[in-house]
Amino acid sequence: MNSPFMRQPVQAKPVSVYLKEQEQLLGDLGALLKSERIALRHRDIATITALSERKSQLMVQLQGNDQKIRLNPQAALLKTAFASRVRGIKDALCGCKRLNEINGRLIMLLLTSTRRAAGVLMQVRDSATMNLTYNDKGTTQARGPVRLSIEA
């Protein structure tokens, strides 16, 4: 009773295939995080945005592969035959987490710096406009210590 509509069971790939994919994805993520740090230093918003989108994609792929590895019939081999590769993957993941934390701190420093600069600019604006008065034509005109009008 083989119906064309009956689903055939999907064969799981060997766990080694998923481990290789994880290694490749973590390599890509590490390189991306290094590029992100450079873009953050240069405040290259367009590059940061593109890298952020790619980073999200890589993270989703890593999580998907992790799930496939966990559910793989060969998962028991992770603790024996593939133990050294698993350690390498975990080390690479820790390296990526460290790079991401560094980038996160850099982002916070840049945000603080930007907020500080905005505060200074607002103070300059406020001190420049606090001495504005209206003339007989209804337009504003600066008076006082900020803009002195001296006639000899």
N, C-alpha and C. Protein backbone atom coordinates (compact mmCIF):
# COMPACT_ATOMS: atom_id res chain seq x y z
N MET A 1 0.82 -1.18 0.00
CA MET A 1 0.00 0.00 0.00
C MET A 1 0.87 1.25 0.00
N ASN A 2 1.62 1.45 -1.07
CA ASN A 2 2.47 2.62 -1.18
C ASN A 2 1.73 3.72 -1.91
N SER A 3 1.28 4.66 -1.19
CA SER A 3 0.59 5.79 -1.77
C SER A 3 1.62 6.88 -2.06
N PRO A 4 1.45 7.59 -3.16
CA PRO A 4 2.40 8.67 -3.46
C PRO A 4 2.30 9.81 -2.45
N PHE A 5 1.23 9.81 -1.66
CA PHE A 5 1.05 10.89 -0.69
C PHE A 5 1.64 10.56 0.68
N MET A 6 2.04 9.31 0.86
CA MET A 6 2.63 8.93 2.14
C MET A 6 4.04 9.47 2.20
N ARG A 7 4.36 10.05 3.33
CA ARG A 7 5.69 10.63 3.50
C ARG A 7 6.69 9.54 3.86
N GLN A 8 7.78 9.57 3.18
CA GLN A 8 8.86 8.65 3.50
C GLN A 8 9.66 9.28 4.65
N PRO A 9 10.15 8.48 5.58
CA PRO A 9 10.93 9.04 6.67
C PRO A 9 12.19 9.73 6.14
N VAL A 10 12.49 10.85 6.71
CA VAL A 10 13.67 11.61 6.30
C VAL A 10 14.89 10.98 6.95
N GLN A 11 15.87 10.70 6.14
CA GLN A 11 17.10 10.12 6.67
C GLN A 11 17.94 11.25 7.26
N ALA A 12 18.37 11.03 8.50
CA ALA A 12 19.24 12.01 9.15
C ALA A 12 20.63 11.89 8.55
N LYS A 13 21.27 13.02 8.37
CA LYS A 13 22.66 13.02 7.90
C LYS A 13 23.54 12.51 9.04
N PRO A 14 24.70 12.02 8.70
CA PRO A 14 25.63 11.62 9.76
C PRO A 14 25.97 12.83 10.64
N VAL A 15 26.18 12.60 11.91
CA VAL A 15 26.45 13.69 12.85
C VAL A 15 27.71 14.47 12.46
N SER A 16 28.64 13.80 11.79
CA SER A 16 29.88 14.47 11.36
C SER A 16 29.60 15.61 10.38
N VAL A 17 28.55 15.45 9.57
CA VAL A 17 28.18 16.50 8.61
C VAL A 17 27.74 17.76 9.37
N TYR A 18 26.93 17.57 10.42
CA TYR A 18 26.46 18.71 11.20
C TYR A 18 27.59 19.35 11.99
N LEU A 19 28.52 18.54 12.46
CA LEU A 19 29.67 19.09 13.18
C LEU A 19 30.52 19.96 12.25
N LYS A 20 30.70 19.48 11.02
CA LYS A 20 31.46 20.27 10.04
C LYS A 20 30.74 21.60 9.75
N GLU A 21 29.42 21.54 9.63
CA GLU A 21 28.64 22.77 9.40
C GLU A 21 28.80 23.73 10.59
N GLN A 22 28.77 23.19 11.82
CA GLN A 22 28.93 24.04 13.01
C GLN A 22 30.30 24.71 12.99
N GLU A 23 31.33 23.94 12.64
CA GLU A 23 32.69 24.50 12.59
C GLU A 23 32.76 25.63 11.57
N GLN A 24 32.16 25.41 10.40
CA GLN A 24 32.16 26.43 9.35
C GLN A 24 31.38 27.67 9.80
N LEU A 25 30.19 27.46 10.37
CA LEU A 25 29.37 28.59 10.82
C LEU A 25 30.08 29.39 11.92
N LEU A 26 30.74 28.71 12.84
CA LEU A 26 31.45 29.42 13.91
C LEU A 26 32.66 30.18 13.35
N GLY A 27 33.32 29.61 12.35
CA GLY A 27 34.41 30.32 11.68
C GLY A 27 33.90 31.59 11.01
N ASP A 28 32.77 31.46 10.32
CA ASP A 28 32.15 32.63 9.67
C ASP A 28 31.73 33.67 10.71
N LEU A 29 31.15 33.21 11.81
CA LEU A 29 30.70 34.12 12.86
C LEU A 29 31.88 34.86 13.49
N GLY A 30 32.98 34.15 13.74
CA GLY A 30 34.17 34.79 14.30
C GLY A 30 34.71 35.88 13.39
N ALA A 31 34.80 35.59 12.11
CA ALA A 31 35.27 36.58 11.14
C ALA A 31 34.31 37.77 11.08
N LEU A 32 33.02 37.48 11.12
CA LEU A 32 32.02 38.54 11.08
C LEU A 32 32.14 39.45 12.31
N LEU A 33 32.35 38.86 13.47
CA LEU A 33 32.47 39.66 14.70
C LEU A 33 33.70 40.55 14.67
N LYS A 34 34.78 40.07 14.06
CA LYS A 34 35.98 40.91 13.91
C LYS A 34 35.69 42.07 12.96
N SER A 35 34.97 41.80 11.89
CA SER A 35 34.58 42.87 10.95
C SER A 35 33.65 43.86 11.63
N GLU A 36 32.76 43.35 12.47
CA GLU A 36 31.83 44.22 13.20
C GLU A 36 32.59 45.19 14.11
N ARG A 37 33.62 44.70 14.78
CA ARG A 37 34.40 45.57 15.66
C ARG A 37 35.07 46.69 14.87
N ILE A 38 35.61 46.35 13.70
CA ILE A 38 36.23 47.37 12.85
C ILE A 38 35.19 48.38 12.40
N ALA A 39 34.03 47.91 11.99
CA ALA A 39 32.96 48.82 11.55
C ALA A 39 32.49 49.70 12.70
N LEU A 40 32.43 49.15 13.91
CA LEU A 40 32.04 49.96 15.07
C LEU A 40 33.08 51.04 15.33
N ARG A 41 34.34 50.69 15.25
CA ARG A 41 35.40 51.70 15.47
C ARG A 41 35.31 52.83 14.46
N HIS A 42 34.97 52.48 13.22
CA HIS A 42 34.87 53.49 12.17
C HIS A 42 33.47 54.12 12.10
N ARG A 43 32.58 53.63 12.95
CA ARG A 43 31.20 54.11 12.98
C ARG A 43 30.53 54.04 11.61
N ASP A 44 30.76 52.93 10.95
CA ASP A 44 30.23 52.67 9.61
C ASP A 44 28.86 52.01 9.75
N ILE A 45 27.82 52.83 9.82
CA ILE A 45 26.47 52.37 10.11
C ILE A 45 25.96 51.37 9.08
N ALA A 46 26.21 51.63 7.82
CA ALA A 46 25.70 50.72 6.77
C ALA A 46 26.32 49.32 6.93
N THR A 47 27.60 49.27 7.18
CA THR A 47 28.27 47.98 7.36
C THR A 47 27.79 47.29 8.63
N ILE A 48 27.64 48.06 9.70
CA ILE A 48 27.17 47.50 10.98
C ILE A 48 25.79 46.88 10.79
N THR A 49 24.93 47.55 10.08
CA THR A 49 23.57 47.05 9.84
C THR A 49 23.61 45.74 9.06
N ALA A 50 24.39 45.70 8.00
CA ALA A 50 24.48 44.48 7.17
C ALA A 50 25.08 43.33 7.99
N LEU A 51 26.11 43.64 8.77
CA LEU A 51 26.74 42.59 9.59
C LEU A 51 25.79 42.08 10.66
N SER A 52 25.00 42.97 11.21
CA SER A 52 24.04 42.57 12.24
C SER A 52 23.01 41.60 11.68
N GLU A 53 22.53 41.88 10.49
CA GLU A 53 21.56 40.98 9.84
C GLU A 53 22.19 39.61 9.57
N ARG A 54 23.41 39.62 9.07
CA ARG A 54 24.10 38.36 8.79
C ARG A 54 24.38 37.59 10.08
N LYS A 55 24.74 38.31 11.14
CA LYS A 55 25.00 37.67 12.43
C LYS A 55 23.74 36.96 12.93
N SER A 56 22.59 37.59 12.78
CA SER A 56 21.33 36.96 13.18
C SER A 56 21.09 35.67 12.39
N GLN A 57 21.35 35.72 11.09
CA GLN A 57 21.17 34.53 10.26
C GLN A 57 22.09 33.40 10.72
N LEU A 58 23.33 33.73 10.99
CA LEU A 58 24.28 32.71 11.44
C LEU A 58 23.84 32.10 12.77
N MET A 59 23.35 32.93 13.67
CA MET A 59 22.91 32.43 14.97
C MET A 59 21.73 31.46 14.82
N VAL A 60 20.81 31.78 13.93
CA VAL A 60 19.66 30.90 13.68
C VAL A 60 20.15 29.57 13.10
N GLN A 61 21.10 29.63 12.18
CA GLN A 61 21.64 28.41 11.59
C GLN A 61 22.36 27.56 12.65
N LEU A 62 23.13 28.22 13.52
CA LEU A 62 23.83 27.49 14.58
C LEU A 62 22.85 26.78 15.50
N GLN A 63 21.79 27.48 15.86
CA GLN A 63 20.79 26.88 16.74
C GLN A 63 20.08 25.71 16.05
N GLY A 64 19.78 25.87 14.78
CA GLY A 64 19.13 24.80 14.02
C GLY A 64 20.01 23.56 13.94
N ASN A 65 21.29 23.78 13.65
CA ASN A 65 22.22 22.64 13.59
C ASN A 65 22.39 21.99 14.95
N ASP A 66 22.42 22.79 15.99
CA ASP A 66 22.56 22.25 17.34
C ASP A 66 21.39 21.32 17.65
N GLN A 67 20.20 21.74 17.25
CA GLN A 67 19.01 20.91 17.46
C GLN A 67 19.11 19.60 16.66
N LYS A 68 19.56 19.70 15.41
CA LYS A 68 19.71 18.51 14.58
C LYS A 68 20.74 17.54 15.17
N ILE A 69 21.80 18.09 15.73
CA ILE A 69 22.83 17.25 16.36
C ILE A 69 22.27 16.54 17.58
N ARG A 70 21.54 17.29 18.39
CA ARG A 70 20.96 16.71 19.61
C ARG A 70 19.99 15.58 19.30
N LEU A 71 19.22 15.71 18.23
CA LEU A 71 18.22 14.72 17.87
C LEU A 71 18.76 13.62 16.96
N ASN A 72 20.00 13.72 16.55
CA ASN A 72 20.58 12.76 15.63
C ASN A 72 20.75 11.40 16.30
N PRO A 73 20.45 10.33 15.56
CA PRO A 73 20.61 8.98 16.13
C PRO A 73 22.06 8.68 16.55
N GLN A 74 23.02 9.38 15.97
CA GLN A 74 24.43 9.18 16.30
C GLN A 74 24.92 10.11 17.42
N ALA A 75 24.02 10.78 18.10
CA ALA A 75 24.40 11.77 19.11
C ALA A 75 25.29 11.19 20.21
N ALA A 76 25.17 9.90 20.49
CA ALA A 76 26.01 9.27 21.52
C ALA A 76 27.49 9.34 21.15
N LEU A 77 27.79 9.41 19.85
CA LEU A 77 29.18 9.48 19.40
C LEU A 77 29.85 10.81 19.76
N LEU A 78 29.05 11.81 20.12
CA LEU A 78 29.61 13.13 20.46
C LEU A 78 30.52 13.04 21.69
N LYS A 79 30.25 12.09 22.57
CA LYS A 79 31.04 11.96 23.80
C LYS A 79 32.22 11.00 23.64
N THR A 80 32.25 10.32 22.51
CA THR A 80 33.34 9.35 22.31
C THR A 80 34.14 9.70 21.06
N ALA A 81 33.67 9.26 19.93
CA ALA A 81 34.41 9.42 18.67
C ALA A 81 34.62 10.88 18.27
N PHE A 82 33.66 11.73 18.59
CA PHE A 82 33.75 13.13 18.17
C PHE A 82 34.04 14.09 19.33
N ALA A 83 34.51 13.57 20.44
CA ALA A 83 34.71 14.40 21.64
C ALA A 83 35.68 15.56 21.39
N SER A 84 36.77 15.31 20.65
CA SER A 84 37.73 16.39 20.41
C SER A 84 37.14 17.47 19.50
N ARG A 85 36.35 17.08 18.52
CA ARG A 85 35.70 18.06 17.64
C ARG A 85 34.68 18.88 18.42
N VAL A 86 33.94 18.21 19.31
CA VAL A 86 32.95 18.92 20.13
C VAL A 86 33.66 19.94 21.01
N ARG A 87 34.80 19.55 21.60
CA ARG A 87 35.57 20.51 22.42
C ARG A 87 36.01 21.70 21.57
N GLY A 88 36.49 21.42 20.36
CA GLY A 88 36.91 22.50 19.46
C GLY A 88 35.75 23.43 19.12
N ILE A 89 34.57 22.87 18.89
CA ILE A 89 33.39 23.67 18.58
C ILE A 89 33.00 24.52 19.79
N LYS A 90 33.07 23.91 20.98
CA LYS A 90 32.74 24.67 22.19
C LYS A 90 33.74 25.80 22.43
N ASP A 91 35.01 25.54 22.16
CA ASP A 91 36.03 26.58 22.29
C ASP A 91 35.78 27.72 21.29
N ALA A 92 35.44 27.35 20.06
CA ALA A 92 35.14 28.37 19.05
C ALA A 92 33.92 29.19 19.45
N LEU A 93 32.92 28.51 20.02
CA LEU A 93 31.72 29.21 20.48
C LEU A 93 32.06 30.19 21.61
N CYS A 94 32.91 29.76 22.54
CA CYS A 94 33.34 30.66 23.62
C CYS A 94 34.10 31.86 23.06
N GLY A 95 34.92 31.63 22.05
CA GLY A 95 35.64 32.73 21.40
C GLY A 95 34.69 33.72 20.76
N CYS A 96 33.65 33.21 20.11
CA CYS A 96 32.65 34.08 19.49
C CYS A 96 31.89 34.87 20.55
N LYS A 97 31.55 34.21 21.65
CA LYS A 97 30.85 34.91 22.73
C LYS A 97 31.72 36.03 23.28
N ARG A 98 33.01 35.76 23.44
CA ARG A 98 33.93 36.78 23.95
C ARG A 98 34.00 37.98 23.00
N LEU A 99 34.13 37.69 21.70
CA LEU A 99 34.17 38.78 20.71
C LEU A 99 32.87 39.57 20.71
N ASN A 100 31.74 38.89 20.85
CA ASN A 100 30.45 39.55 20.87
C ASN A 100 30.31 40.44 22.11
N GLU A 101 30.82 39.97 23.25
CA GLU A 101 30.78 40.79 24.47
C GLU A 101 31.64 42.04 24.31
N ILE A 102 32.81 41.89 23.69
CA ILE A 102 33.68 43.04 23.45
C ILE A 102 32.96 44.05 22.56
N ASN A 103 32.32 43.56 21.50
CA ASN A 103 31.58 44.45 20.61
C ASN A 103 30.42 45.12 21.34
N GLY A 104 29.77 44.37 22.23
CA GLY A 104 28.67 44.94 23.01
C GLY A 104 29.15 46.07 23.91
N ARG A 105 30.32 45.88 24.53
CA ARG A 105 30.88 46.95 25.37
C ARG A 105 31.26 48.16 24.52
N LEU A 106 31.80 47.90 23.33
CA LEU A 106 32.15 49.00 22.43
C LEU A 106 30.90 49.77 22.02
N ILE A 107 29.82 49.06 21.76
CA ILE A 107 28.56 49.72 21.42
C ILE A 107 28.09 50.60 22.57
N MET A 108 28.19 50.10 23.79
CA MET A 108 27.77 50.90 24.96
C MET A 108 28.65 52.15 25.11
N LEU A 109 29.95 52.01 24.90
CA LEU A 109 30.85 53.17 24.96
C LEU A 109 30.49 54.20 23.89
N LEU A 110 30.20 53.72 22.69
CA LEU A 110 29.82 54.63 21.61
C LEU A 110 28.50 55.33 21.91
N LEU A 111 27.54 54.59 22.48
CA LEU A 111 26.26 55.20 22.85
C LEU A 111 26.46 56.27 23.92
N THR A 112 27.28 55.97 24.92
CA THR A 112 27.55 56.94 25.98
C THR A 112 28.22 58.18 25.41
N SER A 113 29.19 57.97 24.54
CA SER A 113 29.88 59.09 23.91
C SER A 113 28.92 59.94 23.08
N THR A 114 28.05 59.27 22.33
CA THR A 114 27.08 59.99 21.50
C THR A 114 26.11 60.80 22.37
N ARG A 115 25.65 60.18 23.45
CA ARG A 115 24.73 60.89 24.35
C ARG A 115 25.41 62.10 24.99
N ARG A 116 26.67 61.92 25.38
CA ARG A 116 27.42 63.03 25.97
C ARG A 116 27.56 64.17 24.97
N ALA A 117 27.91 63.84 23.72
CA ALA A 117 28.05 64.86 22.68
C ALA A 117 26.72 65.56 22.42
N ALA A 118 25.64 64.80 22.41
CA ALA A 118 24.32 65.40 22.20
C ALA A 118 23.98 66.35 23.35
N GLY A 119 24.33 65.97 24.57
CA GLY A 119 24.08 66.84 25.73
C GLY A 119 24.85 68.14 25.62
N VAL A 120 26.11 68.07 25.21
CA VAL A 120 26.93 69.28 25.04
C VAL A 120 26.33 70.17 23.96
N LEU A 121 25.93 69.56 22.86
CA LEU A 121 25.34 70.35 21.77
C LEU A 121 24.03 71.01 22.20
N MET A 122 23.25 70.31 23.00
CA MET A 122 22.00 70.90 23.48
C MET A 122 22.29 72.06 24.42
N GLN A 123 23.32 71.95 25.25
CA GLN A 123 23.68 73.05 26.14
C GLN A 123 24.14 74.26 25.34
N VAL A 124 24.93 74.01 24.31
CA VAL A 124 25.40 75.11 23.46
C VAL A 124 24.21 75.77 22.78
N ARG A 125 23.29 74.96 22.27
CA ARG A 125 22.10 75.50 21.63
C ARG A 125 21.27 76.32 22.61
N ASP A 126 21.07 75.76 23.81
CA ASP A 126 20.26 76.46 24.80
C ASP A 126 20.90 77.76 25.24
N SER A 127 22.23 77.76 25.43
CA SER A 127 22.87 79.00 25.86
C SER A 127 22.88 80.04 24.74
N ALA A 128 22.93 79.58 23.49
CA ALA A 128 22.91 80.50 22.36
C ALA A 128 21.52 81.09 22.15
N THR A 129 20.48 80.33 22.46
CA THR A 129 19.13 80.80 22.19
C THR A 129 18.47 81.44 23.40
N MET A 130 19.10 81.32 24.57
CA MET A 130 18.45 81.86 25.76
C MET A 130 18.40 83.40 25.75
N ASN A 131 19.25 84.03 24.96
CA ASN A 131 19.29 85.48 24.90
C ASN A 131 18.58 86.04 23.68
N LEU A 132 17.71 85.25 23.06
CA LEU A 132 16.98 85.74 21.90
C LEU A 132 15.82 86.64 22.34
N THR A 133 15.68 87.70 21.60
CA THR A 133 14.53 88.59 21.81
C THR A 133 13.92 88.87 20.45
N TYR A 134 12.73 89.45 20.48
CA TYR A 134 12.06 89.79 19.22
C TYR A 134 12.26 91.26 18.93
N ASN A 135 12.51 91.59 17.67
CA ASN A 135 12.64 93.01 17.30
C ASN A 135 11.28 93.53 16.84
N ASP A 136 11.25 94.78 16.40
CA ASP A 136 9.98 95.39 16.03
C ASP A 136 9.34 94.76 14.80
N LYS A 137 10.08 93.93 14.06
CA LYS A 137 9.52 93.25 12.88
C LYS A 137 9.08 91.83 13.22
N GLY A 138 9.24 91.39 14.47
CA GLY A 138 8.80 90.07 14.90
C GLY A 138 9.79 88.95 14.66
N THR A 139 11.00 89.29 14.25
CA THR A 139 12.02 88.25 14.07
C THR A 139 12.91 88.21 15.31
N THR A 140 13.54 87.06 15.51
CA THR A 140 14.39 86.92 16.69
C THR A 140 15.76 87.51 16.44
N GLN A 141 16.32 87.97 17.54
CA GLN A 141 17.63 88.60 17.47
C GLN A 141 18.34 88.28 18.79
N ALA A 142 19.60 87.86 18.71
CA ALA A 142 20.35 87.51 19.92
C ALA A 142 20.86 88.78 20.59
N ARG A 143 20.73 88.81 21.92
CA ARG A 143 21.23 89.92 22.73
C ARG A 143 21.95 89.34 23.93
N GLY A 144 22.77 90.07 24.53
CA GLY A 144 23.40 89.66 25.77
C GLY A 144 24.83 89.19 25.55
N PRO A 145 25.36 88.50 26.55
CA PRO A 145 26.78 88.15 26.54
C PRO A 145 27.20 87.18 25.45
N VAL A 146 26.27 86.45 24.87
CA VAL A 146 26.65 85.47 23.86
C VAL A 146 26.99 86.17 22.56
N ARG A 147 26.17 87.11 22.15
CA ARG A 147 26.43 87.85 20.91
C ARG A 147 26.35 89.34 21.23
N LEU A 148 27.51 89.91 21.33
CA LEU A 148 27.56 91.34 21.63
C LEU A 148 27.51 92.14 20.36
N SER A 149 26.77 93.20 20.40
CA SER A 149 26.71 94.11 19.27
C SER A 149 27.34 95.41 19.74
N ILE A 150 28.56 95.66 19.27
CA ILE A 150 29.29 96.85 19.73
C ILE A 150 29.39 97.82 18.56
N GLU A 151 29.02 99.08 18.87
CA GLU A 151 29.16 100.11 17.88
C GLU A 151 30.12 101.16 18.42
N ALA A 152 31.05 101.62 17.63
CA ALA A 152 32.03 102.61 18.08
C ALA A 152 31.60 103.99 17.72
